[in-house]
Amino acid sequence: MAKDYYRILGVPRNASADELKRAYRKLAQAHHPDKGGDSARFKEISEAYQVLSDAEKRQAYDQFGTTDFSGAGPGVRYEDIFGGGARTGFGGMGGVGDIFESFFGQAFSQVQVEARVKLTDALLGTTLTFQNAQGETVELAIPAGTRDGQAFRFPGKGMPYRGGRGDLIAVVRVQFPDRLNKKQRDLIEKLRDAGL
């Protein structure tokens, strides 16, 4: 399940950039490891701000809801918010910030979405058409016999970052009917009798 970044920062979904920054500043000051805070909690807070403070990443997160950012950690540096004098463990090492930005930028650029299909479409095959965060049309050809949880990768269809574009990963979720009417049950029983 995707993390609720708004809950982590304690802000509403329509929070402005200033509200996000104030919330991050307050939480980061309270949980920064150099001040005796919880490093895991600080990482989670920074990760949330990294996504929501970037317009394109926030748009993808809001649009897909279940976007999986591949477990990437924080790409926000503490000194970017509080100034160069803050001691973060990353500053003052020359070029390390660029390395982190490149690594985390690539990780955050990968977008995962769920493609929900009916059981019959998974068995017989179908084609789904949808748009990614950039408004590009993506066509997903689901072959016959596709299994629940099967993933399809679209290189260069994810979010942009400094080094290029990430990938879009569509995970198929087969929807099983909650209830069957008599006709549907009779057909399935026939399929069972036929050895399916």
N, C-alpha and C. Protein backbone atom coordinates (compact mmCIF):
# COMPACT_ATOMS: atom_id res chain seq x y z
N MET A 1 0.85 -1.19 0.00
CA MET A 1 0.00 0.00 0.00
C MET A 1 0.89 1.24 0.00
N ALA A 2 0.53 2.20 -0.85
CA ALA A 2 1.32 3.42 -0.94
C ALA A 2 1.23 4.22 0.36
N LYS A 3 2.30 4.92 0.67
CA LYS A 3 2.31 5.75 1.87
C LYS A 3 1.43 6.98 1.67
N ASP A 4 0.80 7.42 2.74
CA ASP A 4 -0.01 8.64 2.70
C ASP A 4 0.89 9.80 3.08
N TYR A 5 1.47 10.45 2.07
CA TYR A 5 2.42 11.52 2.32
C TYR A 5 1.77 12.73 2.99
N TYR A 6 0.51 12.98 2.68
CA TYR A 6 -0.18 14.10 3.31
C TYR A 6 -0.34 13.86 4.82
N ARG A 7 -0.68 12.62 5.17
CA ARG A 7 -0.82 12.28 6.59
C ARG A 7 0.52 12.38 7.30
N ILE A 8 1.58 11.94 6.64
CA ILE A 8 2.91 11.98 7.24
C ILE A 8 3.31 13.41 7.59
N LEU A 9 2.98 14.35 6.70
CA LEU A 9 3.32 15.76 6.94
C LEU A 9 2.24 16.48 7.74
N GLY A 10 1.09 15.83 7.91
CA GLY A 10 0.01 16.45 8.68
C GLY A 10 -0.62 17.64 7.99
N VAL A 11 -0.77 17.55 6.66
CA VAL A 11 -1.36 18.65 5.89
C VAL A 11 -2.52 18.12 5.06
N PRO A 12 -3.46 18.99 4.67
CA PRO A 12 -4.56 18.56 3.80
C PRO A 12 -4.06 18.35 2.38
N ARG A 13 -4.86 17.66 1.58
CA ARG A 13 -4.45 17.34 0.21
C ARG A 13 -4.33 18.59 -0.68
N ASN A 14 -4.99 19.67 -0.29
CA ASN A 14 -4.90 20.90 -1.08
C ASN A 14 -3.90 21.89 -0.49
N ALA A 15 -2.99 21.39 0.31
CA ALA A 15 -2.00 22.26 0.97
C ALA A 15 -1.15 22.99 -0.07
N SER A 16 -0.85 24.25 0.23
CA SER A 16 -0.02 25.05 -0.67
C SER A 16 1.46 24.69 -0.46
N ALA A 17 2.30 25.21 -1.35
CA ALA A 17 3.74 24.96 -1.24
C ALA A 17 4.28 25.51 0.08
N ASP A 18 3.79 26.68 0.50
CA ASP A 18 4.25 27.27 1.76
C ASP A 18 3.82 26.42 2.95
N GLU A 19 2.59 25.89 2.90
CA GLU A 19 2.11 25.03 3.99
C GLU A 19 2.93 23.75 4.08
N LEU A 20 3.28 23.19 2.92
CA LEU A 20 4.11 21.99 2.90
C LEU A 20 5.49 22.28 3.51
N LYS A 21 6.06 23.41 3.13
CA LYS A 21 7.39 23.75 3.62
C LYS A 21 7.38 23.99 5.12
N ARG A 22 6.35 24.68 5.61
CA ARG A 22 6.26 24.93 7.06
C ARG A 22 6.08 23.62 7.83
N ALA A 23 5.26 22.73 7.28
CA ALA A 23 5.04 21.45 7.95
C ALA A 23 6.32 20.62 7.97
N TYR A 24 7.03 20.61 6.84
CA TYR A 24 8.28 19.87 6.78
C TYR A 24 9.32 20.45 7.76
N ARG A 25 9.42 21.79 7.78
CA ARG A 25 10.39 22.44 8.66
C ARG A 25 10.14 22.07 10.12
N LYS A 26 8.88 22.13 10.52
CA LYS A 26 8.52 21.84 11.91
C LYS A 26 8.84 20.39 12.27
N LEU A 27 8.46 19.46 11.39
CA LEU A 27 8.67 18.04 11.67
C LEU A 27 10.16 17.67 11.58
N ALA A 28 10.85 18.26 10.60
CA ALA A 28 12.27 17.95 10.43
C ALA A 28 13.09 18.43 11.62
N GLN A 29 12.74 19.60 12.15
CA GLN A 29 13.44 20.10 13.33
C GLN A 29 13.23 19.17 14.52
N ALA A 30 12.02 18.62 14.62
CA ALA A 30 11.69 17.77 15.77
C ALA A 30 12.31 16.39 15.67
N HIS A 31 12.52 15.90 14.45
CA HIS A 31 12.94 14.52 14.28
C HIS A 31 14.33 14.36 13.65
N HIS A 32 15.05 15.45 13.43
CA HIS A 32 16.36 15.32 12.79
C HIS A 32 17.31 14.50 13.67
N PRO A 33 18.00 13.50 13.08
CA PRO A 33 18.90 12.63 13.87
C PRO A 33 20.00 13.38 14.60
N ASP A 34 20.50 14.48 14.03
CA ASP A 34 21.56 15.25 14.68
C ASP A 34 21.07 15.94 15.95
N LYS A 35 19.76 15.99 16.11
CA LYS A 35 19.18 16.58 17.32
C LYS A 35 18.54 15.53 18.20
N GLY A 36 18.94 14.27 17.99
CA GLY A 36 18.45 13.18 18.81
C GLY A 36 17.13 12.59 18.35
N GLY A 37 16.72 12.92 17.13
CA GLY A 37 15.45 12.43 16.62
C GLY A 37 15.56 11.04 16.02
N ASP A 38 14.42 10.53 15.59
CA ASP A 38 14.32 9.19 14.99
C ASP A 38 14.71 9.29 13.52
N SER A 39 15.77 8.60 13.12
CA SER A 39 16.25 8.70 11.74
C SER A 39 15.24 8.12 10.75
N ALA A 40 14.54 7.05 11.15
CA ALA A 40 13.55 6.45 10.26
C ALA A 40 12.39 7.41 10.03
N ARG A 41 11.97 8.07 11.09
CA ARG A 41 10.88 9.03 10.98
C ARG A 41 11.32 10.23 10.14
N PHE A 42 12.55 10.69 10.32
CA PHE A 42 13.06 11.81 9.54
C PHE A 42 13.13 11.45 8.06
N LYS A 43 13.54 10.22 7.78
CA LYS A 43 13.60 9.76 6.39
C LYS A 43 12.22 9.76 5.76
N GLU A 44 11.22 9.30 6.52
CA GLU A 44 9.84 9.25 6.03
C GLU A 44 9.30 10.66 5.76
N ILE A 45 9.60 11.58 6.65
CA ILE A 45 9.17 12.97 6.50
C ILE A 45 9.81 13.60 5.26
N SER A 46 11.11 13.36 5.08
CA SER A 46 11.83 13.92 3.94
C SER A 46 11.33 13.33 2.63
N GLU A 47 11.02 12.03 2.65
CA GLU A 47 10.50 11.37 1.46
C GLU A 47 9.16 11.99 1.06
N ALA A 48 8.30 12.22 2.04
CA ALA A 48 6.99 12.82 1.76
C ALA A 48 7.15 14.21 1.16
N TYR A 49 8.06 15.01 1.73
CA TYR A 49 8.25 16.37 1.22
C TYR A 49 8.88 16.35 -0.17
N GLN A 50 9.77 15.40 -0.41
CA GLN A 50 10.41 15.28 -1.72
C GLN A 50 9.36 15.09 -2.82
N VAL A 51 8.34 14.31 -2.54
CA VAL A 51 7.30 14.06 -3.53
C VAL A 51 6.34 15.24 -3.66
N LEU A 52 5.81 15.70 -2.52
CA LEU A 52 4.75 16.71 -2.56
C LEU A 52 5.25 18.11 -2.92
N SER A 53 6.54 18.38 -2.72
CA SER A 53 7.06 19.70 -3.05
C SER A 53 7.42 19.82 -4.53
N ASP A 54 7.43 18.70 -5.25
CA ASP A 54 7.72 18.71 -6.68
C ASP A 54 6.38 18.60 -7.43
N ALA A 55 6.07 19.59 -8.25
CA ALA A 55 4.76 19.67 -8.88
C ALA A 55 4.44 18.43 -9.71
N GLU A 56 5.42 17.94 -10.48
CA GLU A 56 5.16 16.79 -11.35
C GLU A 56 5.01 15.50 -10.54
N LYS A 57 5.86 15.34 -9.53
CA LYS A 57 5.75 14.14 -8.69
C LYS A 57 4.45 14.14 -7.90
N ARG A 58 4.06 15.34 -7.43
CA ARG A 58 2.81 15.45 -6.67
C ARG A 58 1.61 15.15 -7.57
N GLN A 59 1.67 15.61 -8.81
CA GLN A 59 0.58 15.35 -9.75
C GLN A 59 0.42 13.85 -9.99
N ALA A 60 1.55 13.15 -10.18
CA ALA A 60 1.48 11.70 -10.39
C ALA A 60 0.95 11.00 -9.15
N TYR A 61 1.40 11.43 -7.98
CA TYR A 61 0.95 10.83 -6.72
C TYR A 61 -0.55 11.05 -6.53
N ASP A 62 -1.02 12.26 -6.81
CA ASP A 62 -2.45 12.57 -6.65
C ASP A 62 -3.29 11.83 -7.68
N GLN A 63 -2.75 11.68 -8.90
CA GLN A 63 -3.52 11.09 -9.98
C GLN A 63 -3.70 9.58 -9.80
N PHE A 64 -2.61 8.89 -9.42
CA PHE A 64 -2.67 7.44 -9.37
C PHE A 64 -2.98 6.89 -7.98
N GLY A 65 -2.71 7.65 -6.96
CA GLY A 65 -3.05 7.21 -5.60
C GLY A 65 -2.19 6.08 -5.11
N THR A 66 -1.99 5.03 -5.92
CA THR A 66 -1.21 3.88 -5.51
C THR A 66 0.19 3.91 -6.11
N THR A 67 0.61 5.06 -6.51
CA THR A 67 1.94 5.18 -7.10
C THR A 67 3.00 4.63 -6.17
N ASP A 68 3.84 3.78 -6.71
CA ASP A 68 4.93 3.21 -5.94
C ASP A 68 6.22 3.86 -6.40
N PHE A 69 6.85 4.59 -5.50
CA PHE A 69 8.09 5.28 -5.86
C PHE A 69 9.31 4.42 -5.56
N SER A 70 9.10 3.11 -5.59
CA SER A 70 10.20 2.15 -5.53
C SER A 70 10.99 2.21 -4.25
N GLY A 71 10.36 2.65 -3.17
CA GLY A 71 11.02 2.65 -1.87
C GLY A 71 12.15 3.64 -1.76
N ALA A 72 12.16 4.64 -2.63
CA ALA A 72 13.28 5.59 -2.59
C ALA A 72 13.24 6.42 -1.32
N GLY A 73 14.39 6.77 -0.84
CA GLY A 73 14.50 7.57 0.37
C GLY A 73 14.46 9.05 0.05
N PRO A 74 14.80 9.89 1.03
CA PRO A 74 14.65 11.34 0.85
C PRO A 74 15.62 11.90 -0.16
N GLY A 75 15.12 12.81 -1.00
CA GLY A 75 15.97 13.53 -1.93
C GLY A 75 16.10 14.97 -1.51
N VAL A 76 15.48 15.35 -0.39
CA VAL A 76 15.52 16.72 0.10
C VAL A 76 16.65 16.86 1.11
N ARG A 77 17.49 17.84 0.93
CA ARG A 77 18.55 18.07 1.88
C ARG A 77 18.09 19.03 2.96
N TYR A 78 18.47 18.77 4.18
CA TYR A 78 18.04 19.58 5.33
C TYR A 78 18.46 21.03 5.15
N GLU A 79 19.64 21.24 4.59
CA GLU A 79 20.13 22.60 4.45
C GLU A 79 19.38 23.38 3.38
N ASP A 80 18.69 22.69 2.46
CA ASP A 80 17.89 23.39 1.46
C ASP A 80 16.75 24.16 2.13
N ILE A 81 16.28 23.69 3.27
CA ILE A 81 15.18 24.33 3.98
C ILE A 81 15.69 25.28 5.05
N PHE A 82 16.74 24.87 5.79
CA PHE A 82 17.18 25.62 6.95
C PHE A 82 18.45 26.43 6.71
N GLY A 83 19.05 26.31 5.54
CA GLY A 83 20.26 27.09 5.26
C GLY A 83 21.50 26.23 5.33
N GLY A 84 22.61 26.74 4.77
CA GLY A 84 23.83 25.97 4.63
C GLY A 84 24.52 25.64 5.93
N GLY A 85 24.15 26.31 7.05
CA GLY A 85 24.82 26.05 8.31
C GLY A 85 24.36 24.80 9.00
N ALA A 86 23.29 24.18 8.54
CA ALA A 86 22.77 22.99 9.22
C ALA A 86 23.69 21.81 8.98
N ARG A 87 23.86 20.99 10.01
CA ARG A 87 24.71 19.80 9.92
C ARG A 87 23.82 18.61 9.60
N THR A 88 24.01 18.02 8.42
CA THR A 88 23.11 16.96 7.99
C THR A 88 23.80 15.62 7.79
N GLY A 89 25.09 15.61 7.70
CA GLY A 89 25.76 14.36 7.38
C GLY A 89 26.00 14.22 5.88
N PHE A 90 25.34 15.06 5.06
CA PHE A 90 25.53 15.02 3.62
C PHE A 90 26.29 16.25 3.14
N GLY A 91 26.21 17.35 3.87
CA GLY A 91 26.79 18.60 3.41
C GLY A 91 28.30 18.63 3.58
N GLY A 92 28.93 19.55 2.86
CA GLY A 92 30.36 19.79 3.01
C GLY A 92 31.24 18.72 2.42
N MET A 93 30.67 17.85 1.58
CA MET A 93 31.51 16.78 1.04
C MET A 93 31.74 16.95 -0.45
N GLY A 94 31.20 18.02 -1.04
CA GLY A 94 31.53 18.33 -2.42
C GLY A 94 31.04 17.34 -3.43
N GLY A 95 29.91 17.65 -4.11
CA GLY A 95 29.41 16.80 -5.18
C GLY A 95 28.49 15.70 -4.72
N VAL A 96 28.46 15.42 -3.42
CA VAL A 96 27.62 14.34 -2.93
C VAL A 96 26.15 14.66 -3.16
N GLY A 97 25.79 15.94 -3.02
CA GLY A 97 24.40 16.34 -3.25
C GLY A 97 23.96 15.99 -4.66
N ASP A 98 24.84 16.20 -5.65
CA ASP A 98 24.49 15.88 -7.03
C ASP A 98 24.31 14.38 -7.21
N ILE A 99 25.13 13.58 -6.51
CA ILE A 99 25.02 12.13 -6.60
C ILE A 99 23.68 11.68 -6.04
N PHE A 100 23.32 12.22 -4.88
CA PHE A 100 22.04 11.87 -4.26
C PHE A 100 20.89 12.30 -5.15
N GLU A 101 21.00 13.51 -5.71
CA GLU A 101 19.92 14.02 -6.56
C GLU A 101 19.74 13.13 -7.78
N SER A 102 20.85 12.69 -8.37
CA SER A 102 20.76 11.84 -9.55
C SER A 102 20.17 10.48 -9.20
N PHE A 103 20.64 9.89 -8.10
CA PHE A 103 20.16 8.56 -7.70
C PHE A 103 18.69 8.59 -7.34
N PHE A 104 18.33 9.50 -6.44
CA PHE A 104 16.94 9.54 -5.99
C PHE A 104 16.02 10.07 -7.08
N GLY A 105 16.54 10.96 -7.94
CA GLY A 105 15.72 11.45 -9.04
C GLY A 105 15.31 10.32 -9.95
N GLN A 106 16.24 9.42 -10.24
CA GLN A 106 15.91 8.28 -11.09
C GLN A 106 14.93 7.34 -10.40
N ALA A 107 15.12 7.13 -9.10
CA ALA A 107 14.23 6.23 -8.37
C ALA A 107 12.81 6.79 -8.29
N PHE A 108 12.70 8.08 -8.01
CA PHE A 108 11.39 8.70 -7.90
C PHE A 108 10.70 8.81 -9.25
N SER A 109 11.45 8.75 -10.34
CA SER A 109 10.86 8.93 -11.66
C SER A 109 10.11 7.69 -12.12
N GLN A 110 10.33 6.56 -11.47
CA GLN A 110 9.61 5.34 -11.84
C GLN A 110 8.23 5.37 -11.22
N VAL A 111 7.22 5.17 -12.05
CA VAL A 111 5.82 5.25 -11.61
C VAL A 111 5.16 3.89 -11.79
N GLN A 112 4.43 3.46 -10.78
CA GLN A 112 3.70 2.20 -10.86
C GLN A 112 2.20 2.47 -10.74
N VAL A 113 1.44 1.88 -11.64
CA VAL A 113 -0.02 2.02 -11.61
C VAL A 113 -0.65 0.63 -11.66
N GLU A 114 -1.91 0.56 -11.26
CA GLU A 114 -2.65 -0.69 -11.32
C GLU A 114 -3.61 -0.66 -12.50
N ALA A 115 -3.62 -1.73 -13.27
CA ALA A 115 -4.55 -1.88 -14.39
C ALA A 115 -5.55 -2.97 -14.00
N ARG A 116 -6.77 -2.57 -13.73
CA ARG A 116 -7.80 -3.51 -13.28
C ARG A 116 -8.55 -4.08 -14.49
N VAL A 117 -8.61 -5.40 -14.56
CA VAL A 117 -9.28 -6.06 -15.68
C VAL A 117 -10.23 -7.12 -15.15
N LYS A 118 -11.26 -7.41 -15.92
CA LYS A 118 -12.20 -8.46 -15.57
C LYS A 118 -11.55 -9.82 -15.76
N LEU A 119 -12.07 -10.81 -15.07
CA LEU A 119 -11.54 -12.17 -15.16
C LEU A 119 -11.55 -12.67 -16.60
N THR A 120 -12.63 -12.41 -17.31
CA THR A 120 -12.73 -12.88 -18.69
C THR A 120 -11.68 -12.22 -19.59
N ASP A 121 -11.40 -10.94 -19.35
CA ASP A 121 -10.39 -10.25 -20.14
C ASP A 121 -8.99 -10.80 -19.85
N ALA A 122 -8.74 -11.17 -18.59
CA ALA A 122 -7.45 -11.75 -18.23
C ALA A 122 -7.29 -13.12 -18.90
N LEU A 123 -8.37 -13.86 -18.99
CA LEU A 123 -8.31 -15.20 -19.59
C LEU A 123 -8.20 -15.14 -21.11
N LEU A 124 -8.94 -14.20 -21.73
CA LEU A 124 -9.00 -14.15 -23.19
C LEU A 124 -8.08 -13.12 -23.81
N GLY A 125 -7.65 -12.14 -23.00
CA GLY A 125 -6.80 -11.07 -23.52
C GLY A 125 -7.62 -9.85 -23.89
N THR A 126 -7.02 -8.68 -23.77
CA THR A 126 -7.70 -7.43 -24.11
C THR A 126 -6.65 -6.33 -24.26
N THR A 127 -7.08 -5.15 -24.62
CA THR A 127 -6.19 -4.00 -24.74
C THR A 127 -6.78 -2.84 -23.95
N LEU A 128 -5.97 -2.25 -23.09
CA LEU A 128 -6.39 -1.10 -22.31
C LEU A 128 -5.64 0.14 -22.80
N THR A 129 -6.32 1.27 -22.79
CA THR A 129 -5.70 2.53 -23.17
C THR A 129 -5.92 3.53 -22.05
N PHE A 130 -4.83 4.18 -21.63
CA PHE A 130 -4.92 5.18 -20.57
C PHE A 130 -3.85 6.24 -20.80
N GLN A 131 -3.87 7.27 -19.98
CA GLN A 131 -2.89 8.35 -20.11
C GLN A 131 -1.98 8.37 -18.90
N ASN A 132 -0.70 8.67 -19.13
CA ASN A 132 0.22 8.82 -18.02
C ASN A 132 0.16 10.25 -17.49
N ALA A 133 1.03 10.57 -16.54
CA ALA A 133 0.99 11.88 -15.90
C ALA A 133 1.28 13.02 -16.87
N GLN A 134 1.98 12.73 -17.98
CA GLN A 134 2.29 13.77 -18.96
C GLN A 134 1.21 13.90 -20.04
N GLY A 135 0.11 13.14 -19.89
CA GLY A 135 -0.96 13.20 -20.86
C GLY A 135 -0.72 12.37 -22.10
N GLU A 136 0.33 11.56 -22.10
CA GLU A 136 0.63 10.70 -23.24
C GLU A 136 -0.27 9.45 -23.19
N THR A 137 -0.72 9.03 -24.35
CA THR A 137 -1.56 7.83 -24.43
C THR A 137 -0.68 6.58 -24.36
N VAL A 138 -1.04 5.69 -23.47
CA VAL A 138 -0.30 4.44 -23.30
C VAL A 138 -1.26 3.29 -23.58
N GLU A 139 -0.86 2.39 -24.45
CA GLU A 139 -1.69 1.24 -24.81
C GLU A 139 -1.09 -0.03 -24.21
N LEU A 140 -1.87 -0.69 -23.39
CA LEU A 140 -1.41 -1.90 -22.71
C LEU A 140 -2.13 -3.11 -23.30
N ALA A 141 -1.39 -3.95 -24.03
CA ALA A 141 -1.94 -5.17 -24.61
C ALA A 141 -1.78 -6.29 -23.59
N ILE A 142 -2.90 -6.76 -23.07
CA ILE A 142 -2.89 -7.82 -22.07
C ILE A 142 -3.10 -9.15 -22.77
N PRO A 143 -2.10 -10.02 -22.80
CA PRO A 143 -2.25 -11.29 -23.51
C PRO A 143 -3.18 -12.25 -22.76
N ALA A 144 -3.71 -13.20 -23.48
CA ALA A 144 -4.58 -14.21 -22.87
C ALA A 144 -3.80 -14.98 -21.80
N GLY A 145 -4.47 -15.23 -20.70
CA GLY A 145 -3.83 -15.98 -19.62
C GLY A 145 -3.00 -15.12 -18.68
N THR A 146 -3.19 -13.80 -18.74
CA THR A 146 -2.45 -12.91 -17.84
C THR A 146 -2.85 -13.18 -16.40
N ARG A 147 -1.87 -13.24 -15.50
CA ARG A 147 -2.12 -13.55 -14.10
C ARG A 147 -2.26 -12.28 -13.28
N ASP A 148 -2.96 -12.39 -12.17
CA ASP A 148 -3.07 -11.27 -11.23
C ASP A 148 -1.68 -10.92 -10.69
N GLY A 149 -1.34 -9.65 -10.71
CA GLY A 149 -0.03 -9.20 -10.23
C GLY A 149 1.04 -9.15 -11.29
N GLN A 150 0.74 -9.60 -12.50
CA GLN A 150 1.72 -9.56 -13.58
C GLN A 150 2.00 -8.12 -13.97
N ALA A 151 3.27 -7.77 -14.17
CA ALA A 151 3.66 -6.39 -14.43
C ALA A 151 4.16 -6.21 -15.86
N PHE A 152 3.86 -5.04 -16.43
CA PHE A 152 4.30 -4.68 -17.77
C PHE A 152 5.03 -3.34 -17.67
N ARG A 153 6.22 -3.29 -18.24
CA ARG A 153 7.07 -2.09 -18.14
C ARG A 153 7.03 -1.29 -19.45
N PHE A 154 6.89 0.04 -19.30
CA PHE A 154 6.93 0.95 -20.45
C PHE A 154 8.12 1.90 -20.25
N PRO A 155 9.26 1.61 -20.86
CA PRO A 155 10.45 2.45 -20.67
C PRO A 155 10.21 3.88 -21.13
N GLY A 156 10.65 4.84 -20.32
CA GLY A 156 10.57 6.25 -20.70
C GLY A 156 9.19 6.86 -20.63
N LYS A 157 8.24 6.17 -20.00
CA LYS A 157 6.87 6.70 -19.88
C LYS A 157 6.55 7.17 -18.46
N GLY A 158 7.55 7.17 -17.58
CA GLY A 158 7.33 7.61 -16.22
C GLY A 158 7.59 9.10 -16.07
N MET A 159 8.02 9.52 -14.87
CA MET A 159 8.25 10.93 -14.61
C MET A 159 9.63 11.36 -15.09
N PRO A 160 9.75 12.61 -15.54
CA PRO A 160 11.06 13.10 -15.96
C PRO A 160 11.96 13.40 -14.77
N TYR A 161 13.25 13.25 -14.96
CA TYR A 161 14.24 13.67 -13.97
C TYR A 161 15.44 14.19 -14.75
N ARG A 162 16.44 14.66 -14.03
CA ARG A 162 17.53 15.36 -14.70
C ARG A 162 18.23 14.48 -15.73
N GLY A 163 18.26 13.17 -15.50
CA GLY A 163 18.96 12.28 -16.42
C GLY A 163 18.09 11.73 -17.53
N GLY A 164 16.81 12.07 -17.57
CA GLY A 164 15.94 11.56 -18.63
C GLY A 164 14.52 11.33 -18.13
N ARG A 165 13.97 10.17 -18.46
CA ARG A 165 12.62 9.81 -18.06
C ARG A 165 12.64 8.43 -17.42
N GLY A 166 11.87 8.26 -16.37
CA GLY A 166 11.77 6.97 -15.72
C GLY A 166 10.79 6.06 -16.46
N ASP A 167 10.58 4.89 -15.91
CA ASP A 167 9.70 3.92 -16.54
C ASP A 167 8.32 3.94 -15.88
N LEU A 168 7.32 3.54 -16.64
CA LEU A 168 5.97 3.33 -16.13
C LEU A 168 5.75 1.83 -16.03
N ILE A 169 5.33 1.37 -14.87
CA ILE A 169 5.06 -0.05 -14.66
C ILE A 169 3.58 -0.23 -14.37
N ALA A 170 2.92 -1.00 -15.22
CA ALA A 170 1.49 -1.29 -15.05
C ALA A 170 1.35 -2.70 -14.47
N VAL A 171 0.74 -2.78 -13.29
CA VAL A 171 0.53 -4.06 -12.62
C VAL A 171 -0.93 -4.47 -12.81
N VAL A 172 -1.15 -5.64 -13.39
CA VAL A 172 -2.51 -6.10 -13.66
C VAL A 172 -3.15 -6.64 -12.37
N ARG A 173 -4.36 -6.17 -12.10
CA ARG A 173 -5.15 -6.68 -10.98
C ARG A 173 -6.44 -7.25 -11.55
N VAL A 174 -6.56 -8.57 -11.45
CA VAL A 174 -7.73 -9.26 -11.98
C VAL A 174 -8.89 -9.12 -10.99
N GLN A 175 -10.01 -8.62 -11.48
CA GLN A 175 -11.18 -8.42 -10.64
C GLN A 175 -12.10 -9.64 -10.72
N PHE A 176 -12.24 -10.32 -9.60
CA PHE A 176 -13.13 -11.46 -9.53
C PHE A 176 -14.52 -10.99 -9.09
N PRO A 177 -15.58 -11.52 -9.70
CA PRO A 177 -16.94 -11.08 -9.34
C PRO A 177 -17.28 -11.45 -7.91
N ASP A 178 -17.95 -10.53 -7.21
CA ASP A 178 -18.39 -10.81 -5.85
C ASP A 178 -19.56 -11.79 -5.84
N ARG A 179 -20.43 -11.63 -6.81
CA ARG A 179 -21.62 -12.49 -6.91
C ARG A 179 -21.81 -12.93 -8.35
N LEU A 180 -22.39 -14.10 -8.52
CA LEU A 180 -22.69 -14.63 -9.85
C LEU A 180 -24.19 -14.80 -10.00
N ASN A 181 -24.69 -14.36 -11.15
CA ASN A 181 -26.09 -14.68 -11.42
C ASN A 181 -26.18 -16.11 -11.95
N LYS A 182 -27.39 -16.60 -12.14
CA LYS A 182 -27.57 -18.00 -12.52
C LYS A 182 -26.89 -18.31 -13.85
N LYS A 183 -27.01 -17.40 -14.82
CA LYS A 183 -26.41 -17.65 -16.13
C LYS A 183 -24.89 -17.73 -16.01
N GLN A 184 -24.31 -16.82 -15.25
CA GLN A 184 -22.85 -16.83 -15.08
C GLN A 184 -22.39 -18.10 -14.37
N ARG A 185 -23.12 -18.50 -13.34
CA ARG A 185 -22.76 -19.71 -12.61
C ARG A 185 -22.83 -20.95 -13.51
N ASP A 186 -23.89 -21.01 -14.32
CA ASP A 186 -24.04 -22.16 -15.22
C ASP A 186 -22.88 -22.24 -16.20
N LEU A 187 -22.46 -21.05 -16.72
CA LEU A 187 -21.36 -21.03 -17.67
C LEU A 187 -20.05 -21.47 -17.01
N ILE A 188 -19.82 -21.00 -15.79
CA ILE A 188 -18.59 -21.36 -15.09
C ILE A 188 -18.58 -22.84 -14.73
N GLU A 189 -19.72 -23.35 -14.36
CA GLU A 189 -19.81 -24.79 -14.06
C GLU A 189 -19.52 -25.62 -15.30
N LYS A 190 -19.98 -25.13 -16.47
CA LYS A 190 -19.67 -25.83 -17.71
C LYS A 190 -18.18 -25.79 -18.01
N LEU A 191 -17.56 -24.63 -17.74
CA LEU A 191 -16.12 -24.53 -17.95
C LEU A 191 -15.36 -25.47 -17.00
N ARG A 192 -15.84 -25.56 -15.77
CA ARG A 192 -15.21 -26.48 -14.82
C ARG A 192 -15.35 -27.93 -15.29
N ASP A 193 -16.54 -28.26 -15.79
CA ASP A 193 -16.77 -29.62 -16.26
C ASP A 193 -15.91 -29.93 -17.50
N ALA A 194 -15.57 -28.84 -18.24
CA ALA A 194 -14.74 -29.02 -19.43
C ALA A 194 -13.27 -29.10 -19.08
N GLY A 195 -12.95 -28.95 -17.80
CA GLY A 195 -11.56 -29.10 -17.37
C GLY A 195 -10.78 -27.82 -17.25
N LEU A 196 -11.49 -26.65 -17.30
CA LEU A 196 -10.77 -25.38 -17.18
C LEU A 196 -10.35 -25.14 -15.74
